[in-house]
């Protein structure tokens, strides 16, 4: 049951990136020139970077999920479950990245996007591209322990609101 809650929390945290309705809420459409510049910017991001990010996310999430698996699942079964988890995460991360150029084109001009691409071609920009997955993983590691508290606070607050409105005990 705990693994389902963890998966639900992760799904809630990533839902804005996955829901078609959310994607449809545009703050305006980027110009074709900005969209092209954003596409070129994201071409700098390698599949290796996505794989690295996925691996680091899995390293943070999998132990939480694995400890809640039934004890009778053998090592081979656990390995297969982890492989499926990693595959699903990478597929979704790759799919999410397909929407990124359009999002960037709505928030940045074509010139700003070209400037960002130029930055990522510099040594500091290359280092940023290399280090960002680890920075994100380290940030995620700080967030994960807090999810239980957030879940408990949310459940408590929801229960109070529902009680106050006459739903439940």
Foldseek 3Di string as FASTA:
>chain_A
DQLVVLVVVVCVVCVCLPDPVNLPPAPDWFDPLQLVLLVVLCVLQDLVLLLLLLVLVLVQPVVSNVVPDDPPQDPVNSVVVSVVVSVVSSVSVVVSSVSVSRNRSRVDHSVVSNVLSVCCVDPVNVVCSVCVSVVVSVVVNVVVVCVVVVVVVVVVVVVVVCVVVPHDD
